[in-house]
Amino acid sequence: AEMLTNRLRVTAPLALYSITLAVLVSIPLGVALALIRAQ
């Protein structure tokens, strides 16, 4: 448990950072592409 707690100081921010990037980029980009009808 102690080892996991120490390692989570890297893994938890990395996972949260990845999730945040994925959401902030994919949803606005998907909306923009749906509204832009250029072939």
PDB file of all heavy atoms in Angstrom:
ATOM      1  N   ALA A   1       0.835  -1.211   0.000  1.00  0.00           N
ATOM      2  CA  ALA A   1       0.000   0.000   0.000  1.00  0.00           C
ATOM      3  C   ALA A   1       0.867   1.258   0.000  1.00  0.00           C
ATOM      4  O   ALA A   1       0.562   2.235  -0.694  1.00  0.00           O
ATOM      5  CB  ALA A   1      -0.927  -0.008   1.212  1.00  0.00           C
ATOM      6  N   GLU A   2       1.957   1.231   0.752  1.00  0.00           N
ATOM      7  CA  GLU A   2       2.856   2.390   0.805  1.00  0.00           C
ATOM      8  C   GLU A   2       3.513   2.619  -0.554  1.00  0.00           C
ATOM      9  O   GLU A   2       3.630   3.765  -1.020  1.00  0.00           O
ATOM     10  CB  GLU A   2       3.922   2.162   1.880  1.00  0.00           C
ATOM     11  CG  GLU A   2       4.971   3.262   1.970  1.00  0.00           C
ATOM     12  CD  GLU A   2       6.111   2.888   2.908  1.00  0.00           C
ATOM     13  OE1 GLU A   2       5.830   2.320   3.974  1.00  0.00           O
ATOM     14  OE2 GLU A   2       7.280   3.166   2.551  1.00  0.00           O
ATOM     15  N   MET A   3       3.934   1.535  -1.202  1.00  0.00           N
ATOM     16  CA  MET A   3       4.581   1.658  -2.511  1.00  0.00           C
ATOM     17  C   MET A   3       3.604   2.191  -3.557  1.00  0.00           C
ATOM     18  O   MET A   3       3.956   3.037  -4.380  1.00  0.00           O
ATOM     19  CB  MET A   3       5.135   0.297  -2.946  1.00  0.00           C
ATOM     20  CG  MET A   3       6.229  -0.234  -2.050  1.00  0.00           C
ATOM     21  SD  MET A   3       6.875  -1.806  -2.629  1.00  0.00           S
ATOM     22  CE  MET A   3       7.646  -1.295  -4.169  1.00  0.00           C
ATOM     23  N   LEU A   4       2.368   1.697  -3.516  1.00  0.00           N
ATOM     24  CA  LEU A   4       1.360   2.176  -4.461  1.00  0.00           C
ATOM     25  C   LEU A   4       1.073   3.657  -4.248  1.00  0.00           C
ATOM     26  O   LEU A   4       0.935   4.419  -5.214  1.00  0.00           O
ATOM     27  CB  LEU A   4       0.069   1.365  -4.317  1.00  0.00           C
ATOM     28  CG  LEU A   4       0.033  -0.001  -4.997  1.00  0.00           C
ATOM     29  CD1 LEU A   4      -1.250  -0.737  -4.648  1.00  0.00           C
ATOM     30  CD2 LEU A   4       0.164   0.145  -6.502  1.00  0.00           C
ATOM     31  N   THR A   5       0.980   4.069  -2.991  1.00  0.00           N
ATOM     32  CA  THR A   5       0.712   5.473  -2.686  1.00  0.00           C
ATOM     33  C   THR A   5       1.809   6.369  -3.255  1.00  0.00           C
ATOM     34  O   THR A   5       1.530   7.421  -3.844  1.00  0.00           O
ATOM     35  CB  THR A   5       0.601   5.678  -1.164  1.00  0.00           C
ATOM     36  OG1 THR A   5      -0.458   4.863  -0.654  1.00  0.00           O
ATOM     37  CG2 THR A   5       0.319   7.134  -0.840  1.00  0.00           C
ATOM     38  N   ASN A   6       3.064   5.951  -3.110  1.00  0.00           N
ATOM     39  CA  ASN A   6       4.175   6.744  -3.639  1.00  0.00           C
ATOM     40  C   ASN A   6       4.140   6.811  -5.168  1.00  0.00           C
ATOM     41  O   ASN A   6       4.381   7.864  -5.762  1.00  0.00           O
ATOM     42  CB  ASN A   6       5.506   6.150  -3.175  1.00  0.00           C
ATOM     43  CG  ASN A   6       5.715   6.311  -1.677  1.00  0.00           C
ATOM     44  OD1 ASN A   6       5.150   7.211  -1.058  1.00  0.00           O
ATOM     45  ND2 ASN A   6       6.510   5.434  -1.079  1.00  0.00           N
ATOM     46  N   ARG A   7       3.841   5.671  -5.811  1.00  0.00           N
ATOM     47  CA  ARG A   7       3.832   5.634  -7.269  1.00  0.00           C
ATOM     48  C   ARG A   7       2.629   6.359  -7.862  1.00  0.00           C
ATOM     49  O   ARG A   7       2.681   6.822  -9.003  1.00  0.00           O
ATOM     50  CB  ARG A   7       3.863   4.182  -7.757  1.00  0.00           C
ATOM     51  CG  ARG A   7       5.130   3.420  -7.386  1.00  0.00           C
ATOM     52  CD  ARG A   7       6.381   4.115  -7.903  1.00  0.00           C
ATOM     53  NE  ARG A   7       7.585   3.378  -7.610  1.00  0.00           N
ATOM     54  CZ  ARG A   7       8.262   2.641  -8.513  1.00  0.00           C
ATOM     55  NH1 ARG A   7       7.807   2.552  -9.745  1.00  0.00           N
ATOM     56  NH2 ARG A   7       9.364   2.007  -8.174  1.00  0.00           N
ATOM     57  N   LEU A   8       1.534   6.430  -7.112  1.00  0.00           N
ATOM     58  CA  LEU A   8       0.343   7.125  -7.607  1.00  0.00           C
ATOM     59  C   LEU A   8       0.572   8.624  -7.750  1.00  0.00           C
ATOM     60  O   LEU A   8      -0.184   9.306  -8.449  1.00  0.00           O
ATOM     61  CB  LEU A   8      -0.842   6.879  -6.670  1.00  0.00           C
ATOM     62  CG  LEU A   8      -1.523   5.523  -6.814  1.00  0.00           C
ATOM     63  CD1 LEU A   8      -2.577   5.334  -5.737  1.00  0.00           C
ATOM     64  CD2 LEU A   8      -2.161   5.373  -8.187  1.00  0.00           C
ATOM     65  N   ARG A   9       1.603   9.144  -7.129  1.00  0.00           N
ATOM     66  CA  ARG A   9       1.936  10.556  -7.285  1.00  0.00           C
ATOM     67  C   ARG A   9       2.336  10.870  -8.721  1.00  0.00           C
ATOM     68  O   ARG A   9       2.313  12.028  -9.139  1.00  0.00           O
ATOM     69  CB  ARG A   9       3.058  10.950  -6.325  1.00  0.00           C
ATOM     70  CG  ARG A   9       2.659  10.906  -4.853  1.00  0.00           C
ATOM     71  CD  ARG A   9       3.865  11.083  -3.949  1.00  0.00           C
ATOM     72  NE  ARG A   9       4.502  12.369  -4.167  1.00  0.00           N
ATOM     73  CZ  ARG A   9       4.125  13.493  -3.596  1.00  0.00           C
ATOM     74  NH1 ARG A   9       3.086  13.502  -2.770  1.00  0.00           N
ATOM     75  NH2 ARG A   9       4.755  14.620  -3.835  1.00  0.00           N
ATOM     76  N   VAL A  10       2.713   9.849  -9.471  1.00  0.00           N
ATOM     77  CA  VAL A  10       3.027  10.010 -10.895  1.00  0.00           C
ATOM     78  C   VAL A  10       1.869   9.511 -11.755  1.00  0.00           C
ATOM     79  O   VAL A  10       1.427  10.202 -12.680  1.00  0.00           O
ATOM     80  CB  VAL A  10       4.318   9.247 -11.264  1.00  0.00           C
ATOM     81  CG1 VAL A  10       4.563   9.297 -12.775  1.00  0.00           C
ATOM     82  CG2 VAL A  10       5.512   9.817 -10.520  1.00  0.00           C
ATOM     83  N   THR A  11       1.361   8.319 -11.462  1.00  0.00           N
ATOM     84  CA  THR A  11       0.348   7.693 -12.316  1.00  0.00           C
ATOM     85  C   THR A  11      -0.981   8.432 -12.291  1.00  0.00           C
ATOM     86  O   THR A  11      -1.613   8.627 -13.335  1.00  0.00           O
ATOM     87  CB  THR A  11       0.142   6.228 -11.890  1.00  0.00           C
ATOM     88  OG1 THR A  11       1.377   5.527 -12.036  1.00  0.00           O
ATOM     89  CG2 THR A  11      -0.910   5.555 -12.751  1.00  0.00           C
ATOM     90  N   ALA A  12      -1.453   8.831 -11.113  1.00  0.00           N
ATOM     91  CA  ALA A  12      -2.756   9.504 -11.011  1.00  0.00           C
ATOM     92  C   ALA A  12      -2.773  10.827 -11.782  1.00  0.00           C
ATOM     93  O   ALA A  12      -3.701  11.065 -12.575  1.00  0.00           O
ATOM     94  CB  ALA A  12      -3.128   9.716  -9.546  1.00  0.00           C
ATOM     95  N   PRO A  13      -1.775  11.720 -11.607  1.00  0.00           N
ATOM     96  CA  PRO A  13      -1.774  12.941 -12.424  1.00  0.00           C
ATOM     97  C   PRO A  13      -1.647  12.655 -13.924  1.00  0.00           C
ATOM     98  O   PRO A  13      -2.253  13.351 -14.731  1.00  0.00           O
ATOM     99  CB  PRO A  13      -0.545  13.709 -11.912  1.00  0.00           C
ATOM    100  CG  PRO A  13      -0.320  13.192 -10.542  1.00  0.00           C
ATOM    101  CD  PRO A  13      -0.706  11.754 -10.591  1.00  0.00           C
ATOM    102  N   LEU A  14      -0.865  11.629 -14.278  1.00  0.00           N
ATOM    103  CA  LEU A  14      -0.709  11.288 -15.700  1.00  0.00           C
ATOM    104  C   LEU A  14      -2.037  10.847 -16.299  1.00  0.00           C
ATOM    105  O   LEU A  14      -2.418  11.288 -17.394  1.00  0.00           O
ATOM    106  CB  LEU A  14       0.340  10.191 -15.857  1.00  0.00           C
ATOM    107  CG  LEU A  14       0.532   9.638 -17.278  1.00  0.00           C
ATOM    108  CD1 LEU A  14       0.921  10.761 -18.239  1.00  0.00           C
ATOM    109  CD2 LEU A  14       1.586   8.535 -17.285  1.00  0.00           C
ATOM    110  N   ALA A  15      -2.763   9.971 -15.591  1.00  0.00           N
ATOM    111  CA  ALA A  15      -4.062   9.508 -16.086  1.00  0.00           C
ATOM    112  C   ALA A  15      -5.054  10.669 -16.164  1.00  0.00           C
ATOM    113  O   ALA A  15      -5.784  10.814 -17.152  1.00  0.00           O
ATOM    114  CB  ALA A  15      -4.595   8.396 -15.189  1.00  0.00           C
ATOM    115  N   LEU A  16      -5.086  11.509 -15.127  1.00  0.00           N
ATOM    116  CA  LEU A  16      -6.006  12.653 -15.111  1.00  0.00           C
ATOM    117  C   LEU A  16      -5.662  13.652 -16.212  1.00  0.00           C
ATOM    118  O   LEU A  16      -6.562  14.197 -16.882  1.00  0.00           O
ATOM    119  CB  LEU A  16      -5.959  13.322 -13.746  1.00  0.00           C
ATOM    120  CG  LEU A  16      -6.942  14.472 -13.518  1.00  0.00           C
ATOM    121  CD1 LEU A  16      -8.378  13.987 -13.664  1.00  0.00           C
ATOM    122  CD2 LEU A  16      -6.718  15.092 -12.139  1.00  0.00           C
ATOM    123  N   TYR A  17      -4.386  13.882 -16.413  1.00  0.00           N
ATOM    124  CA  TYR A  17      -3.914  14.785 -17.476  1.00  0.00           C
ATOM    125  C   TYR A  17      -4.344  14.244 -18.843  1.00  0.00           C
ATOM    126  O   TYR A  17      -4.851  14.996 -19.693  1.00  0.00           O
ATOM    127  CB  TYR A  17      -2.391  14.882 -17.383  1.00  0.00           C
ATOM    128  CG  TYR A  17      -1.752  16.014 -18.154  1.00  0.00           C
ATOM    129  CD1 TYR A  17      -2.503  16.913 -18.901  1.00  0.00           C
ATOM    130  CD2 TYR A  17      -0.366  16.181 -18.118  1.00  0.00           C
ATOM    131  CE1 TYR A  17      -1.889  17.948 -19.600  1.00  0.00           C
ATOM    132  CE2 TYR A  17       0.243  17.219 -18.805  1.00  0.00           C
ATOM    133  CZ  TYR A  17      -0.518  18.087 -19.546  1.00  0.00           C
ATOM    134  OH  TYR A  17       0.077  19.113 -20.238  1.00  0.00           O
ATOM    135  N   SER A  18      -4.188  12.940 -19.056  1.00  0.00           N
ATOM    136  CA  SER A  18      -4.565  12.320 -20.333  1.00  0.00           C
ATOM    137  C   SER A  18      -6.064  12.418 -20.568  1.00  0.00           C
ATOM    138  O   SER A  18      -6.511  12.746 -21.682  1.00  0.00           O
ATOM    139  CB  SER A  18      -4.134  10.848 -20.347  1.00  0.00           C
ATOM    140  OG  SER A  18      -2.760  10.703 -20.101  1.00  0.00           O
ATOM    141  N   ILE A  19      -6.845  12.134 -19.530  1.00  0.00           N
ATOM    142  CA  ILE A  19      -8.305  12.220 -19.651  1.00  0.00           C
ATOM    143  C   ILE A  19      -8.734  13.647 -19.969  1.00  0.00           C
ATOM    144  O   ILE A  19      -9.581  13.886 -20.839  1.00  0.00           O
ATOM    145  CB  ILE A  19      -8.965  11.735 -18.342  1.00  0.00           C
ATOM    146  CG1 ILE A  19      -8.776  10.222 -18.176  1.00  0.00           C
ATOM    147  CG2 ILE A  19     -10.450  12.089 -18.316  1.00  0.00           C
ATOM    148  CD1 ILE A  19      -9.196   9.694 -16.815  1.00  0.00           C
ATOM    149  N   THR A  20      -8.138  14.621 -19.280  1.00  0.00           N
ATOM    150  CA  THR A  20      -8.494  16.024 -19.504  1.00  0.00           C
ATOM    151  C   THR A  20      -8.180  16.447 -20.934  1.00  0.00           C
ATOM    152  O   THR A  20      -8.996  17.101 -21.603  1.00  0.00           O
ATOM    153  CB  THR A  20      -7.746  16.927 -18.511  1.00  0.00           C
ATOM    154  OG1 THR A  20      -8.036  16.504 -17.178  1.00  0.00           O
ATOM    155  CG2 THR A  20      -8.159  18.382 -18.686  1.00  0.00           C
ATOM    156  N   LEU A  21      -6.995  16.086 -21.420  1.00  0.00           N
ATOM    157  CA  LEU A  21      -6.627  16.407 -22.796  1.00  0.00           C
ATOM    158  C   LEU A  21      -7.595  15.775 -23.788  1.00  0.00           C
ATOM    159  O   LEU A  21      -8.040  16.428 -24.745  1.00  0.00           O
ATOM    160  CB  LEU A  21      -5.206  15.916 -23.092  1.00  0.00           C
ATOM    161  CG  LEU A  21      -4.033  16.735 -22.553  1.00  0.00           C
ATOM    162  CD1 LEU A  21      -2.715  16.051 -22.887  1.00  0.00           C
ATOM    163  CD2 LEU A  21      -4.058  18.140 -23.142  1.00  0.00           C
ATOM    164  N   ALA A  22      -7.926  14.505 -23.555  1.00  0.00           N
ATOM    165  CA  ALA A  22      -8.812  13.795 -24.479  1.00  0.00           C
ATOM    166  C   ALA A  22     -10.177  14.458 -24.561  1.00  0.00           C
ATOM    167  O   ALA A  22     -10.730  14.646 -25.651  1.00  0.00           O
ATOM    168  CB  ALA A  22      -8.956  12.331 -24.044  1.00  0.00           C
ATOM    169  N   VAL A  23     -10.738  14.846 -23.414  1.00  0.00           N
ATOM    170  CA  VAL A  23     -12.070  15.465 -23.390  1.00  0.00           C
ATOM    171  C   VAL A  23     -12.033  16.869 -23.994  1.00  0.00           C
ATOM    172  O   VAL A  23     -12.887  17.229 -24.827  1.00  0.00           O
ATOM    173  CB  VAL A  23     -12.611  15.512 -21.954  1.00  0.00           C
ATOM    174  CG1 VAL A  23     -13.890  16.329 -21.879  1.00  0.00           C
ATOM    175  CG2 VAL A  23     -12.874  14.099 -21.449  1.00  0.00           C
ATOM    176  N   LEU A  24     -11.043  17.679 -23.594  1.00  0.00           N
ATOM    177  CA  LEU A  24     -10.984  19.063 -24.052  1.00  0.00           C
ATOM    178  C   LEU A  24     -10.732  19.178 -25.546  1.00  0.00           C
ATOM    179  O   LEU A  24     -11.129  20.176 -26.178  1.00  0.00           O
ATOM    180  CB  LEU A  24      -9.888  19.825 -23.290  1.00  0.00           C
ATOM    181  CG  LEU A  24     -10.146  20.067 -21.800  1.00  0.00           C
ATOM    182  CD1 LEU A  24      -8.998  20.842 -21.181  1.00  0.00           C
ATOM    183  CD2 LEU A  24     -11.457  20.813 -21.584  1.00  0.00           C
ATOM    184  N   VAL A  25     -10.067  18.184 -26.122  1.00  0.00           N
ATOM    185  CA  VAL A  25      -9.782  18.232 -27.560  1.00  0.00           C
ATOM    186  C   VAL A  25     -10.877  17.549 -28.371  1.00  0.00           C
ATOM    187  O   VAL A  25     -11.373  18.093 -29.366  1.00  0.00           O
ATOM    188  CB  VAL A  25      -8.416  17.574 -27.862  1.00  0.00           C
ATOM    189  CG1 VAL A  25      -8.192  17.471 -29.378  1.00  0.00           C
ATOM    190  CG2 VAL A  25      -7.296  18.369 -27.226  1.00  0.00           C
ATOM    191  N   SER A  26     -11.296  16.352 -27.964  1.00  0.00           N
ATOM    192  CA  SER A  26     -12.176  15.538 -28.805  1.00  0.00           C
ATOM    193  C   SER A  26     -13.593  16.091 -28.930  1.00  0.00           C
ATOM    194  O   SER A  26     -14.163  16.093 -30.026  1.00  0.00           O
ATOM    195  CB  SER A  26     -12.230  14.107 -28.272  1.00  0.00           C
ATOM    196  OG  SER A  26     -12.740  14.068 -26.954  1.00  0.00           O
ATOM    197  N   ILE A  27     -14.183  16.573 -27.829  1.00  0.00           N
ATOM    198  CA  ILE A  27     -15.576  17.035 -27.902  1.00  0.00           C
ATOM    199  C   ILE A  27     -15.707  18.316 -28.743  1.00  0.00           C
ATOM    200  O   ILE A  27     -16.523  18.355 -29.675  1.00  0.00           O
ATOM    201  CB  ILE A  27     -16.158  17.224 -26.493  1.00  0.00           C
ATOM    202  CG1 ILE A  27     -16.286  15.848 -25.807  1.00  0.00           C
ATOM    203  CG2 ILE A  27     -17.527  17.904 -26.562  1.00  0.00           C
ATOM    204  CD1 ILE A  27     -16.839  15.897 -24.404  1.00  0.00           C
ATOM    205  N   PRO A  28     -14.918  19.371 -28.481  1.00  0.00           N
ATOM    206  CA  PRO A  28     -15.027  20.545 -29.373  1.00  0.00           C
ATOM    207  C   PRO A  28     -14.676  20.216 -30.823  1.00  0.00           C
ATOM    208  O   PRO A  28     -15.321  20.729 -31.750  1.00  0.00           O
ATOM    209  CB  PRO A  28     -14.013  21.536 -28.776  1.00  0.00           C
ATOM    210  CG  PRO A  28     -13.857  21.120 -27.358  1.00  0.00           C
ATOM    211  CD  PRO A  28     -13.987  19.633 -27.366  1.00  0.00           C
ATOM    212  N   LEU A  29     -13.674  19.361 -31.033  1.00  0.00           N
ATOM    213  CA  LEU A  29     -13.288  19.011 -32.401  1.00  0.00           C
ATOM    214  C   LEU A  29     -14.397  18.234 -33.096  1.00  0.00           C
ATOM    215  O   LEU A  29     -14.697  18.465 -34.281  1.00  0.00           O
ATOM    216  CB  LEU A  29     -11.996  18.191 -32.374  1.00  0.00           C
ATOM    217  CG  LEU A  29     -11.408  17.804 -33.740  1.00  0.00           C
ATOM    218  CD1 LEU A  29     -11.114  19.046 -34.567  1.00  0.00           C
ATOM    219  CD2 LEU A  29     -10.137  16.980 -33.551  1.00  0.00           C
ATOM    220  N   GLY A  30     -15.025  17.311 -32.380  1.00  0.00           N
ATOM    221  CA  GLY A  30     -16.127  16.551 -32.968  1.00  0.00           C
ATOM    222  C   GLY A  30     -17.298  17.440 -33.319  1.00  0.00           C
ATOM    223  O   GLY A  30     -17.922  17.282 -34.376  1.00  0.00           O
ATOM    224  N   VAL A  31     -17.613  18.407 -32.444  1.00  0.00           N
ATOM    225  CA  VAL A  31     -18.704  19.348 -32.717  1.00  0.00           C
ATOM    226  C   VAL A  31     -18.375  20.201 -33.943  1.00  0.00           C
ATOM    227  O   VAL A  31     -19.220  20.403 -34.835  1.00  0.00           O
ATOM    228  CB  VAL A  31     -18.957  20.244 -31.495  1.00  0.00           C
ATOM    229  CG1 VAL A  31     -19.949  21.353 -31.834  1.00  0.00           C
ATOM    230  CG2 VAL A  31     -19.474  19.418 -30.325  1.00  0.00           C
ATOM    231  N   ALA A  32     -17.142  20.698 -34.000  1.00  0.00           N
ATOM    232  CA  ALA A  32     -16.744  21.535 -35.137  1.00  0.00           C
ATOM    233  C   ALA A  32     -16.827  20.763 -36.449  1.00  0.00           C
ATOM    234  O   ALA A  32     -17.315  21.283 -37.459  1.00  0.00           O
ATOM    235  CB  ALA A  32     -15.320  22.055 -34.914  1.00  0.00           C
ATOM    236  N   LEU A  33     -16.385  19.532 -36.455  1.00  0.00           N
ATOM    237  CA  LEU A  33     -16.421  18.732 -37.683  1.00  0.00           C
ATOM    238  C   LEU A  33     -17.849  18.388 -38.102  1.00  0.00           C
ATOM    239  O   LEU A  33     -18.137  18.236 -39.286  1.00  0.00           O
ATOM    240  CB  LEU A  33     -15.609  17.447 -37.484  1.00  0.00           C
ATOM    241  CG  LEU A  33     -14.094  17.643 -37.401  1.00  0.00           C
ATOM    242  CD1 LEU A  33     -13.417  16.366 -36.932  1.00  0.00           C
ATOM    243  CD2 LEU A  33     -13.539  18.060 -38.755  1.00  0.00           C
ATOM    244  N   ALA A  34     -18.749  18.267 -37.128  1.00  0.00           N
ATOM    245  CA  ALA A  34     -20.158  18.003 -37.459  1.00  0.00           C
ATOM    246  C   ALA A  34     -20.814  19.219 -38.086  1.00  0.00           C
ATOM    247  O   ALA A  34     -21.698  19.085 -38.942  1.00  0.00           O
ATOM    248  CB  ALA A  34     -20.915  17.578 -36.206  1.00  0.00           C
ATOM    249  N   LEU A  35     -20.379  20.413 -37.677  1.00  0.00           N
ATOM    250  CA  LEU A  35     -20.978  21.638 -38.190  1.00  0.00           C
ATOM    251  C   LEU A  35     -20.331  22.096 -39.494  1.00  0.00           C
ATOM    252  O   LEU A  35     -20.945  22.851 -40.255  1.00  0.00           O
ATOM    253  CB  LEU A  35     -20.876  22.750 -37.140  1.00  0.00           C
ATOM    254  CG  LEU A  35     -21.605  22.475 -35.815  1.00  0.00           C
ATOM    255  CD1 LEU A  35     -21.413  23.628 -34.848  1.00  0.00           C
ATOM    256  CD2 LEU A  35     -23.088  22.220 -36.053  1.00  0.00           C
ATOM    257  N   ILE A  36     -19.092  21.663 -39.739  1.00  0.00           N
ATOM    258  CA  ILE A  36     -18.414  22.005 -40.985  1.00  0.00           C
ATOM    259  C   ILE A  36     -18.731  20.925 -42.018  1.00  0.00           C
ATOM    260  O   ILE A  36     -18.333  19.774 -41.858  1.00  0.00           O
ATOM    261  CB  ILE A  36     -16.887  22.111 -40.784  1.00  0.00           C
ATOM    262  CG1 ILE A  36     -16.559  23.232 -39.805  1.00  0.00           C
ATOM    263  CG2 ILE A  36     -16.194  22.363 -42.125  1.00  0.00           C
ATOM    264  CD1 ILE A  36     -15.096  23.311 -39.428  1.00  0.00           C
ATOM    265  N   ARG A  37     -19.418  21.289 -43.046  1.00  0.00           N
ATOM    266  CA  ARG A  37     -19.865  20.291 -44.022  1.00  0.00           C
ATOM    267  C   ARG A  37     -18.917  20.158 -45.214  1.00  0.00           C
ATOM    268  O   ARG A  37     -19.240  19.467 -46.176  1.00  0.00           O
ATOM    269  CB  ARG A  37     -21.270  20.656 -44.535  1.00  0.00           C
ATOM    270  CG  ARG A  37     -22.308  20.761 -43.422  1.00  0.00           C
ATOM    271  CD  ARG A  37     -22.436  19.448 -42.672  1.00  0.00           C
ATOM    272  NE  ARG A  37     -23.416  19.529 -41.599  1.00  0.00           N
ATOM    273  CZ  ARG A  37     -24.708  19.265 -41.759  1.00  0.00           C
ATOM    274  NH1 ARG A  37     -25.181  18.941 -42.944  1.00  0.00           N
ATOM    275  NH2 ARG A  37     -25.528  19.349 -40.725  1.00  0.00           N
ATOM    276  N   ALA A  38     -17.749  20.808 -45.171  1.00  0.00           N
ATOM    277  CA  ALA A  38     -16.815  20.744 -46.301  1.00  0.00           C
ATOM    278  C   ALA A  38     -16.322  19.314 -46.486  1.00  0.00           C
ATOM    279  O   ALA A  38     -15.834  18.683 -45.544  1.00  0.00           O
ATOM    280  CB  ALA A  38     -15.639  21.686 -46.062  1.00  0.00           C
ATOM    281  N   GLN A  39     -16.451  18.796 -47.689  1.00  0.00           N
ATOM    282  CA  GLN A  39     -16.092  17.413 -47.960  1.00  0.00           C
ATOM    283  C   GLN A  39     -14.597  17.170 -47.770  1.00  0.00           C
ATOM    284  O   GLN A  39     -14.187  16.126 -47.272  1.00  0.00           O
ATOM    285  CB  GLN A  39     -16.507  17.028 -49.382  1.00  0.00           C
ATOM    286  CG  GLN A  39     -16.313  15.555 -49.702  1.00  0.00           C
ATOM    287  CD  GLN A  39     -16.853  15.190 -51.064  1.00  0.00           C
ATOM    288  OE1 GLN A  39     -17.401  16.022 -51.772  1.00  0.00           O
ATOM    289  NE2 GLN A  39     -16.691  13.935 -51.443  1.00  0.00           N
TER     290      GLN A  39
END
